[in-house]
Amino acid sequence: MKTLLLSSILSLGLTYISLAQDTKVLRSLPQNSFKKGEKLTFSVNYGFVHAGEAVIEVLNEEKKIGNRDVYHIVGTGRSKNTFDFFFKVRDRYETYLDKDAIVPWLFLRHIEEGSYKLSQSVLFNHYTDVAKSGNEEIKTPNNIQDLVSTYYFARCTDFSNAKINEIHTLQAFLDDEIFTFSYKFLGRETITTNLGTFKCLKFCPTLLKGRVFKHEDDMTLWVTDDENKLPIRAEAKIIVGSVKMDLSKYEGVANPIAKVK
C-alpha cells in the first residue's frame, strides 16, 4: 500500500513538473559535501536519559523526477521502547533533492509524537515556484527548501572565512507556510564525544516556537570543520527539559573528517 501510494505521488509529480519544464533554467550548485550512501546515526538523550535514535541517509539508488537526477534522502526518529510510556516518537521524513540545483522536488513526512500525528506530501515545481500540498497550490520564493533539504543546502555553504555572529538565512516550506530560517555562526570549538574529538563550527539556528521549543534561540549546533560539515552534537532547551543529540556513527561520507583523535 505504501509503495503504491508513493508511486502515485511520483507519477503525479512527473506530470506536475513537466508542464512548465522549459520556462526556466534552474541554478547549478556544485557540491562535494555529501554523496549517495552517506548514513548518519544519532543518539538522542532527554536530560540524562537515553531516549531514542535518529538516522538520516542518502540512499544509494538512482532516482529521477521530471528528468532531473535526484538524491533520495530518508530521515527517521524513534524513541526507545522503554521511553514510549513517557513520549512515543515514530517519525519518518523523505525528500527527493535535485542533484544539481540542491532543491527539493518532493517532500514526505509521517509524524507520530505522543498524541500528535500528521502525514503530508508536498510537490515542488521550481519552474513555476509553486508548492502543491494536498489540494492547495502555494506560491513560493525561488529555490525554496523543505525541512530536510535545508540541512543539505546549508552543508554546501563555505564557512572558511566566516566571521563570528555572521548570520546566514534561507527560506523553507513547512506546514503550508513560508518560513525564513537563520543560523548564526558562533565560532570554532574542539569538542569531545563518544566518537572522539573533533574540530567544529558552532552555530545557533533559529527554531519554530510553539509545540516543542519555547524560544527561537534555544538550540546550539556543532558541525565538523571540514567539507562534510557533519552534525556532531546538538543541544536544545525544550518546553519541558532539554535534549542532546550526538552523532554515534557515520558511514559513506564524502571527505576526510576533522577528527583530532
C-alpha atoms as a PDB file:
ATOM      1  CA  MET A   1       0.000   0.000   0.000  1.00  0.00           C
ATOM      2  CA  LYS A   2       2.789   2.389   0.928  1.00  0.00           C
ATOM      3  CA  THR A   3       4.694   1.582  -2.293  1.00  0.00           C
ATOM      4  CA  LEU A   4       1.553   2.142  -4.378  1.00  0.00           C
ATOM      5  CA  LEU A   5       0.910   5.495  -2.707  1.00  0.00           C
ATOM      6  CA  LEU A   6       4.498   6.642  -3.272  1.00  0.00           C
ATOM      7  CA  SER A   7       4.364   5.549  -6.921  1.00  0.00           C
ATOM      8  CA  SER A   8       1.168   7.543  -7.389  1.00  0.00           C
ATOM      9  CA  ILE A   9       2.730  10.652  -5.837  1.00  0.00           C
ATOM     10  CA  LEU A  10       5.844  10.325  -8.002  1.00  0.00           C
ATOM     11  CA  SER A  11       3.736   9.876 -11.153  1.00  0.00           C
ATOM     12  CA  LEU A  12       1.730  12.962 -10.279  1.00  0.00           C
ATOM     13  CA  GLY A  13       4.976  14.808  -9.624  1.00  0.00           C
ATOM     14  CA  LEU A  14       6.353  13.929 -13.060  1.00  0.00           C
ATOM     15  CA  THR A  15       3.241  15.365 -14.703  1.00  0.00           C
ATOM     16  CA  TYR A  16       3.131  18.395 -12.422  1.00  0.00           C
ATOM     17  CA  ILE A  17       6.761  19.327 -13.024  1.00  0.00           C
ATOM     18  CA  SER A  18       6.910  18.600 -16.765  1.00  0.00           C
ATOM     19  CA  LEU A  19       4.103  21.063 -17.550  1.00  0.00           C
ATOM     20  CA  ALA A  20       6.411  24.071 -17.190  1.00  0.00           C
ATOM     21  CA  GLN A  21       9.797  22.479 -17.586  1.00  0.00           C
ATOM     22  CA  ASP A  22      11.060  24.694 -20.411  1.00  0.00           C
ATOM     23  CA  THR A  23      10.136  28.065 -18.943  1.00  0.00           C
ATOM     24  CA  LYS A  24      13.024  28.497 -16.524  1.00  0.00           C
ATOM     25  CA  VAL A  25      16.656  27.471 -16.168  1.00  0.00           C
ATOM     26  CA  LEU A  26      17.401  26.139 -12.703  1.00  0.00           C
ATOM     27  CA  ARG A  27      20.558  27.125 -10.873  1.00  0.00           C
ATOM     28  CA  SER A  28      23.607  24.869 -10.729  1.00  0.00           C
ATOM     29  CA  LEU A  29      25.184  24.464  -7.308  1.00  0.00           C
ATOM     30  CA  PRO A  30      28.178  22.095  -7.454  1.00  0.00           C
ATOM     31  CA  GLN A  31      28.901  20.490  -4.087  1.00  0.00           C
ATOM     32  CA  ASN A  32      31.252  17.960  -2.530  1.00  0.00           C
ATOM     33  CA  SER A  33      29.812  17.846   0.994  1.00  0.00           C
ATOM     34  CA  PHE A  34      27.730  14.657   0.721  1.00  0.00           C
ATOM     35  CA  LYS A  35      27.094  11.788  -1.655  1.00  0.00           C
ATOM     36  CA  LYS A  36      24.933   8.714  -2.140  1.00  0.00           C
ATOM     37  CA  GLY A  37      25.493   6.128   0.581  1.00  0.00           C
ATOM     38  CA  GLU A  38      26.086   8.595   3.417  1.00  0.00           C
ATOM     39  CA  LYS A  39      24.360   7.396   6.585  1.00  0.00           C
ATOM     40  CA  LEU A  40      24.413   9.259   9.901  1.00  0.00           C
ATOM     41  CA  THR A  41      23.134   7.767  13.157  1.00  0.00           C
ATOM     42  CA  PHE A  42      22.444   9.852  16.255  1.00  0.00           C
ATOM     43  CA  SER A  43      21.884   9.045  19.905  1.00  0.00           C
ATOM     44  CA  VAL A  44      19.167  11.197  21.489  1.00  0.00           C
ATOM     45  CA  ASN A  45      19.105  11.954  25.211  1.00  0.00           C
ATOM     46  CA  TYR A  46      16.308  13.604  27.171  1.00  0.00           C
ATOM     47  CA  GLY A  47      18.114  15.048  30.155  1.00  0.00           C
ATOM     48  CA  PHE A  48      20.293  12.182  31.404  1.00  0.00           C
ATOM     49  CA  VAL A  49      18.040   9.505  29.890  1.00  0.00           C
ATOM     50  CA  HIS A  50      18.825   7.790  26.589  1.00  0.00           C
ATOM     51  CA  ALA A  51      15.514   8.393  24.830  1.00  0.00           C
ATOM     52  CA  GLY A  52      15.958   7.179  21.272  1.00  0.00           C
ATOM     53  CA  GLU A  53      17.788   7.187  17.968  1.00  0.00           C
ATOM     54  CA  ALA A  54      17.661   9.199  14.755  1.00  0.00           C
ATOM     55  CA  VAL A  55      19.040   8.189  11.362  1.00  0.00           C
ATOM     56  CA  ILE A  56      19.378  10.220   8.166  1.00  0.00           C
ATOM     57  CA  GLU A  57      20.589   8.565   4.985  1.00  0.00           C
ATOM     58  CA  VAL A  58      21.248   9.488   1.364  1.00  0.00           C
ATOM     59  CA  LEU A  59      20.045   6.262  -0.215  1.00  0.00           C
ATOM     60  CA  ASN A  60      22.401   4.535  -2.623  1.00  0.00           C
ATOM     61  CA  GLU A  61      19.992   4.460  -5.551  1.00  0.00           C
ATOM     62  CA  GLU A  62      19.378   6.186  -8.875  1.00  0.00           C
ATOM     63  CA  LYS A  63      16.220   8.327  -8.982  1.00  0.00           C
ATOM     64  CA  LYS A  64      14.769  10.872 -11.384  1.00  0.00           C
ATOM     65  CA  ILE A  65      11.875  13.309 -11.104  1.00  0.00           C
ATOM     66  CA  GLY A  66      10.876  15.215 -14.236  1.00  0.00           C
ATOM     67  CA  ASN A  67      14.084  14.082 -15.992  1.00  0.00           C
ATOM     68  CA  ARG A  68      16.131  15.587 -13.142  1.00  0.00           C
ATOM     69  CA  ASP A  69      18.577  13.409 -11.201  1.00  0.00           C
ATOM     70  CA  VAL A  70      17.745  13.444  -7.503  1.00  0.00           C
ATOM     71  CA  TYR A  71      19.074  12.220  -4.175  1.00  0.00           C
ATOM     72  CA  HIS A  72      16.515  10.238  -2.187  1.00  0.00           C
ATOM     73  CA  ILE A  73      17.099  11.186   1.449  1.00  0.00           C
ATOM     74  CA  VAL A  74      15.297   9.480   4.339  1.00  0.00           C
ATOM     75  CA  GLY A  75      15.345  10.551   7.974  1.00  0.00           C
ATOM     76  CA  THR A  76      13.766   8.598  10.821  1.00  0.00           C
ATOM     77  CA  GLY A  77      13.390   9.231  14.528  1.00  0.00           C
ATOM     78  CA  ARG A  78      12.296   6.620  17.035  1.00  0.00           C
ATOM     79  CA  SER A  79      12.034   6.634  20.806  1.00  0.00           C
ATOM     80  CA  LYS A  80      13.238   3.600  22.736  1.00  0.00           C
ATOM     81  CA  ASN A  81      10.539   1.149  23.769  1.00  0.00           C
ATOM     82  CA  THR A  82      11.320   1.887  27.416  1.00  0.00           C
ATOM     83  CA  PHE A  83      10.751   5.606  26.751  1.00  0.00           C
ATOM     84  CA  ASP A  84       7.483   5.144  24.855  1.00  0.00           C
ATOM     85  CA  PHE A  85       5.366   5.249  28.006  1.00  0.00           C
ATOM     86  CA  PHE A  86       6.602   8.805  28.567  1.00  0.00           C
ATOM     87  CA  PHE A  87       6.605  10.118  24.995  1.00  0.00           C
ATOM     88  CA  LYS A  88       6.377   7.867  21.953  1.00  0.00           C
ATOM     89  CA  VAL A  89       8.068   9.021  18.746  1.00  0.00           C
ATOM     90  CA  ARG A  90       7.844   7.340  15.335  1.00  0.00           C
ATOM     91  CA  ASP A  91       8.843   9.894  12.705  1.00  0.00           C
ATOM     92  CA  ARG A  92       9.793   9.494   9.058  1.00  0.00           C
ATOM     93  CA  TYR A  93      10.842  12.254   6.668  1.00  0.00           C
ATOM     94  CA  GLU A  94      11.780  11.932   2.993  1.00  0.00           C
ATOM     95  CA  THR A  95      12.989  14.399   0.413  1.00  0.00           C
ATOM     96  CA  TYR A  96      13.870  13.995  -3.251  1.00  0.00           C
ATOM     97  CA  LEU A  97      16.653  16.541  -3.704  1.00  0.00           C
ATOM     98  CA  ASP A  98      17.802  17.814  -7.091  1.00  0.00           C
ATOM     99  CA  LYS A  99      21.455  16.822  -7.501  1.00  0.00           C
ATOM    100  CA  ASP A 100      22.437  19.920  -9.442  1.00  0.00           C
ATOM    101  CA  ALA A 101      20.210  22.688  -8.054  1.00  0.00           C
ATOM    102  CA  ILE A 102      20.046  21.338  -4.434  1.00  0.00           C
ATOM    103  CA  VAL A 103      16.302  21.991  -4.178  1.00  0.00           C
ATOM    104  CA  PRO A 104      13.546  19.504  -3.259  1.00  0.00           C
ATOM    105  CA  TRP A 105      11.007  18.162  -5.745  1.00  0.00           C
ATOM    106  CA  LEU A 106       9.032  16.030  -3.316  1.00  0.00           C
ATOM    107  CA  PHE A 107       8.794  16.088   0.480  1.00  0.00           C
ATOM    108  CA  LEU A 108       7.047  13.411   2.543  1.00  0.00           C
ATOM    109  CA  ARG A 109       6.577  13.178   6.277  1.00  0.00           C
ATOM    110  CA  HIS A 110       4.755  10.919   8.676  1.00  0.00           C
ATOM    111  CA  ILE A 111       4.862  12.018  12.303  1.00  0.00           C
ATOM    112  CA  GLU A 112       3.741  10.263  15.477  1.00  0.00           C
ATOM    113  CA  GLU A 113       4.812  12.207  18.553  1.00  0.00           C
ATOM    114  CA  GLY A 114       2.755  11.390  21.617  1.00  0.00           C
ATOM    115  CA  SER A 115      -0.864  12.073  20.665  1.00  0.00           C
ATOM    116  CA  TYR A 116       0.164  14.269  17.714  1.00  0.00           C
ATOM    117  CA  LYS A 117       0.003  12.603  14.291  1.00  0.00           C
ATOM    118  CA  LEU A 118       0.499  14.032  10.814  1.00  0.00           C
ATOM    119  CA  SER A 119       1.024  12.737   7.286  1.00  0.00           C
ATOM    120  CA  GLN A 120       1.886  15.108   4.459  1.00  0.00           C
ATOM    121  CA  SER A 121       3.214  15.162   0.908  1.00  0.00           C
ATOM    122  CA  VAL A 122       4.396  18.308  -0.870  1.00  0.00           C
ATOM    123  CA  LEU A 123       5.295  18.565  -4.561  1.00  0.00           C
ATOM    124  CA  PHE A 124       7.565  21.444  -5.539  1.00  0.00           C
ATOM    125  CA  ASN A 125       7.655  22.935  -9.026  1.00  0.00           C
ATOM    126  CA  HIS A 126      10.762  25.095  -9.237  1.00  0.00           C
ATOM    127  CA  TYR A 127       9.994  26.107 -12.819  1.00  0.00           C
ATOM    128  CA  THR A 128       6.875  27.967 -11.667  1.00  0.00           C
ATOM    129  CA  ASP A 129       7.813  28.441  -7.972  1.00  0.00           C
ATOM    130  CA  VAL A 130       4.703  26.700  -6.690  1.00  0.00           C
ATOM    131  CA  ALA A 131       4.277  24.047  -3.975  1.00  0.00           C
ATOM    132  CA  LYS A 132       1.340  21.637  -4.134  1.00  0.00           C
ATOM    133  CA  SER A 133       0.262  20.419  -0.688  1.00  0.00           C
ATOM    134  CA  GLY A 134      -2.878  18.307  -0.797  1.00  0.00           C
ATOM    135  CA  ASN A 135      -5.347  20.199  -2.991  1.00  0.00           C
ATOM    136  CA  GLU A 136      -3.722  23.556  -2.341  1.00  0.00           C
ATOM    137  CA  GLU A 137      -1.168  25.309  -4.544  1.00  0.00           C
ATOM    138  CA  ILE A 138       1.013  27.862  -2.774  1.00  0.00           C
ATOM    139  CA  LYS A 139       3.344  30.381  -4.420  1.00  0.00           C
ATOM    140  CA  THR A 140       6.910  30.022  -3.141  1.00  0.00           C
ATOM    141  CA  PRO A 141      10.139  32.043  -3.326  1.00  0.00           C
ATOM    142  CA  ASN A 142      12.858  30.993  -5.735  1.00  0.00           C
ATOM    143  CA  ASN A 143      14.840  27.900  -4.636  1.00  0.00           C
ATOM    144  CA  ILE A 144      12.561  27.129  -1.670  1.00  0.00           C
ATOM    145  CA  GLN A 145      13.739  24.344   0.659  1.00  0.00           C
ATOM    146  CA  ASP A 146      11.911  21.806   2.823  1.00  0.00           C
ATOM    147  CA  LEU A 147      12.575  20.680   6.378  1.00  0.00           C
ATOM    148  CA  VAL A 148      15.182  18.075   5.354  1.00  0.00           C
ATOM    149  CA  SER A 149      16.766  19.792   2.359  1.00  0.00           C
ATOM    150  CA  THR A 150      17.612  22.892   4.431  1.00  0.00           C
ATOM    151  CA  TYR A 151      20.323  20.880   6.195  1.00  0.00           C
ATOM    152  CA  TYR A 152      21.868  19.589   2.959  1.00  0.00           C
ATOM    153  CA  PHE A 153      21.734  23.009   1.326  1.00  0.00           C
ATOM    154  CA  ALA A 154      23.440  24.572   4.376  1.00  0.00           C
ATOM    155  CA  ARG A 155      26.217  21.986   4.101  1.00  0.00           C
ATOM    156  CA  CYS A 156      27.083  23.399   0.675  1.00  0.00           C
ATOM    157  CA  THR A 157      27.998  26.761   2.236  1.00  0.00           C
ATOM    158  CA  ASP A 158      31.673  27.718   2.503  1.00  0.00           C
ATOM    159  CA  PHE A 159      32.379  28.817   6.087  1.00  0.00           C
ATOM    160  CA  SER A 160      36.161  29.023   5.755  1.00  0.00           C
ATOM    161  CA  ASN A 161      36.086  32.826   6.070  1.00  0.00           C
ATOM    162  CA  ALA A 162      33.008  33.088   8.291  1.00  0.00           C
ATOM    163  CA  LYS A 163      33.045  35.816  10.933  1.00  0.00           C
ATOM    164  CA  ILE A 164      31.669  35.422  14.459  1.00  0.00           C
ATOM    165  CA  ASN A 165      27.986  36.435  14.693  1.00  0.00           C
ATOM    166  CA  GLU A 166      27.654  36.227  10.913  1.00  0.00           C
ATOM    167  CA  ILE A 167      24.071  35.236  10.047  1.00  0.00           C
ATOM    168  CA  HIS A 168      23.006  33.045   7.128  1.00  0.00           C
ATOM    169  CA  THR A 169      19.365  32.794   6.045  1.00  0.00           C
ATOM    170  CA  LEU A 170      17.258  30.584   3.815  1.00  0.00           C
ATOM    171  CA  GLN A 171      13.564  30.123   3.138  1.00  0.00           C
ATOM    172  CA  ALA A 172      11.737  26.853   3.710  1.00  0.00           C
ATOM    173  CA  PHE A 173       8.235  25.476   3.225  1.00  0.00           C
ATOM    174  CA  LEU A 174       6.684  23.992   6.367  1.00  0.00           C
ATOM    175  CA  ASP A 175       3.055  23.373   7.353  1.00  0.00           C
ATOM    176  CA  ASP A 176       1.895  25.086   4.150  1.00  0.00           C
ATOM    177  CA  GLU A 177       3.694  28.305   5.041  1.00  0.00           C
ATOM    178  CA  ILE A 178       6.950  30.018   4.073  1.00  0.00           C
ATOM    179  CA  PHE A 179       9.432  30.461   6.912  1.00  0.00           C
ATOM    180  CA  THR A 180      12.747  32.274   6.971  1.00  0.00           C
ATOM    181  CA  PHE A 181      15.307  30.249   8.894  1.00  0.00           C
ATOM    182  CA  SER A 182      18.624  31.668  10.005  1.00  0.00           C
ATOM    183  CA  TYR A 183      21.710  30.277  11.659  1.00  0.00           C
ATOM    184  CA  LYS A 184      24.305  32.397  13.415  1.00  0.00           C
ATOM    185  CA  PHE A 185      27.978  31.452  13.323  1.00  0.00           C
ATOM    186  CA  LEU A 186      29.343  31.447  16.887  1.00  0.00           C
ATOM    187  CA  GLY A 187      32.940  30.469  16.165  1.00  0.00           C
ATOM    188  CA  ARG A 188      35.148  27.393  16.187  1.00  0.00           C
ATOM    189  CA  GLU A 189      35.455  24.863  19.024  1.00  0.00           C
ATOM    190  CA  THR A 190      37.007  21.475  19.604  1.00  0.00           C
ATOM    191  CA  ILE A 191      34.560  19.109  21.289  1.00  0.00           C
ATOM    192  CA  THR A 192      34.767  15.516  22.514  1.00  0.00           C
ATOM    193  CA  THR A 193      32.017  12.909  22.190  1.00  0.00           C
ATOM    194  CA  ASN A 194      31.911   9.117  22.426  1.00  0.00           C
ATOM    195  CA  LEU A 195      33.156   9.050  18.814  1.00  0.00           C
ATOM    196  CA  GLY A 196      36.281  11.066  19.605  1.00  0.00           C
ATOM    197  CA  THR A 197      37.477  14.667  19.477  1.00  0.00           C
ATOM    198  CA  PHE A 198      36.538  16.893  16.532  1.00  0.00           C
ATOM    199  CA  LYS A 199      37.294  20.385  15.276  1.00  0.00           C
ATOM    200  CA  CYS A 200      33.886  22.005  14.871  1.00  0.00           C
ATOM    201  CA  LEU A 201      31.993  25.033  13.640  1.00  0.00           C
ATOM    202  CA  LYS A 202      29.456  26.254  16.203  1.00  0.00           C
ATOM    203  CA  PHE A 203      26.045  27.661  15.243  1.00  0.00           C
ATOM    204  CA  CYS A 204      22.817  28.891  16.776  1.00  0.00           C
ATOM    205  CA  PRO A 205      19.939  28.039  14.406  1.00  0.00           C
ATOM    206  CA  THR A 206      16.560  29.736  14.724  1.00  0.00           C
ATOM    207  CA  LEU A 207      13.715  27.460  15.809  1.00  0.00           C
ATOM    208  CA  LEU A 208       9.955  27.478  15.454  1.00  0.00           C
ATOM    209  CA  LYS A 209       8.418  28.397  18.789  1.00  0.00           C
ATOM    210  CA  GLY A 210       5.336  26.507  19.895  1.00  0.00           C
ATOM    211  CA  ARG A 211       4.791  22.788  20.261  1.00  0.00           C
ATOM    212  CA  VAL A 212       8.382  21.868  21.199  1.00  0.00           C
ATOM    213  CA  PHE A 213      10.580  24.948  21.612  1.00  0.00           C
ATOM    214  CA  LYS A 214       9.914  27.949  23.833  1.00  0.00           C
ATOM    215  CA  HIS A 215      12.396  30.392  22.261  1.00  0.00           C
ATOM    216  CA  GLU A 216      13.897  30.816  18.790  1.00  0.00           C
ATOM    217  CA  ASP A 217      17.498  30.578  20.034  1.00  0.00           C
ATOM    218  CA  ASP A 218      17.174  27.507  22.264  1.00  0.00           C
ATOM    219  CA  MET A 219      19.495  25.287  20.181  1.00  0.00           C
ATOM    220  CA  THR A 220      23.271  25.099  19.734  1.00  0.00           C
ATOM    221  CA  LEU A 221      24.735  23.019  16.915  1.00  0.00           C
ATOM    222  CA  TRP A 222      28.297  21.824  16.280  1.00  0.00           C
ATOM    223  CA  VAL A 223      29.329  20.541  12.827  1.00  0.00           C
ATOM    224  CA  THR A 224      32.701  19.268  11.673  1.00  0.00           C
ATOM    225  CA  ASP A 225      35.053  21.970  10.415  1.00  0.00           C
ATOM    226  CA  ASP A 226      35.650  20.263   7.071  1.00  0.00           C
ATOM    227  CA  GLU A 227      33.922  19.847   3.714  1.00  0.00           C
ATOM    228  CA  ASN A 228      31.409  17.342   5.129  1.00  0.00           C
ATOM    229  CA  LYS A 229      30.012  19.611   7.859  1.00  0.00           C
ATOM    230  CA  LEU A 230      28.647  16.621   9.740  1.00  0.00           C
ATOM    231  CA  PRO A 231      26.486  17.473  12.767  1.00  0.00           C
ATOM    232  CA  ILE A 232      28.489  16.189  15.738  1.00  0.00           C
ATOM    233  CA  ARG A 233      26.268  17.487  18.535  1.00  0.00           C
ATOM    234  CA  ALA A 234      23.054  19.452  19.022  1.00  0.00           C
ATOM    235  CA  GLU A 235      21.791  20.705  22.377  1.00  0.00           C
ATOM    236  CA  ALA A 236      18.359  22.254  22.812  1.00  0.00           C
ATOM    237  CA  LYS A 237      16.128  23.504  25.568  1.00  0.00           C
ATOM    238  CA  ILE A 238      12.541  22.414  25.055  1.00  0.00           C
ATOM    239  CA  ILE A 239       9.332  23.429  26.793  1.00  0.00           C
ATOM    240  CA  VAL A 240       9.882  20.696  29.383  1.00  0.00           C
ATOM    241  CA  GLY A 241      13.548  19.801  29.972  1.00  0.00           C
ATOM    242  CA  SER A 242      16.392  19.574  27.472  1.00  0.00           C
ATOM    243  CA  VAL A 243      17.525  17.341  24.623  1.00  0.00           C
ATOM    244  CA  LYS A 244      21.016  16.418  23.437  1.00  0.00           C
ATOM    245  CA  MET A 245      21.748  14.630  20.184  1.00  0.00           C
ATOM    246  CA  ASP A 246      25.209  13.215  19.445  1.00  0.00           C
ATOM    247  CA  LEU A 247      26.454  11.625  16.247  1.00  0.00           C
ATOM    248  CA  SER A 248      27.076   7.985  17.186  1.00  0.00           C
ATOM    249  CA  LYS A 249      28.022   6.511  13.802  1.00  0.00           C
ATOM    250  CA  TYR A 250      28.838   7.745  10.304  1.00  0.00           C
ATOM    251  CA  GLU A 251      29.190   5.821   7.052  1.00  0.00           C
ATOM    252  CA  GLY A 252      29.905   6.710   3.434  1.00  0.00           C
ATOM    253  CA  VAL A 253      30.983  10.323   3.994  1.00  0.00           C
ATOM    254  CA  ALA A 254      32.414  12.237   1.044  1.00  0.00           C
ATOM    255  CA  ASN A 255      35.586  13.705   2.590  1.00  0.00           C
ATOM    256  CA  PRO A 256      38.121  13.251   5.405  1.00  0.00           C
ATOM    257  CA  ILE A 257      36.717  14.292   8.784  1.00  0.00           C
ATOM    258  CA  ALA A 258      38.251  16.931  11.076  1.00  0.00           C
ATOM    259  CA  LYS A 259      38.876  14.404  13.832  1.00  0.00           C
ATOM    260  CA  VAL A 260      41.680  15.218  16.259  1.00  0.00           C
ATOM    261  CA  LYS A 261      41.767  11.831  17.968  1.00  0.00           C
END
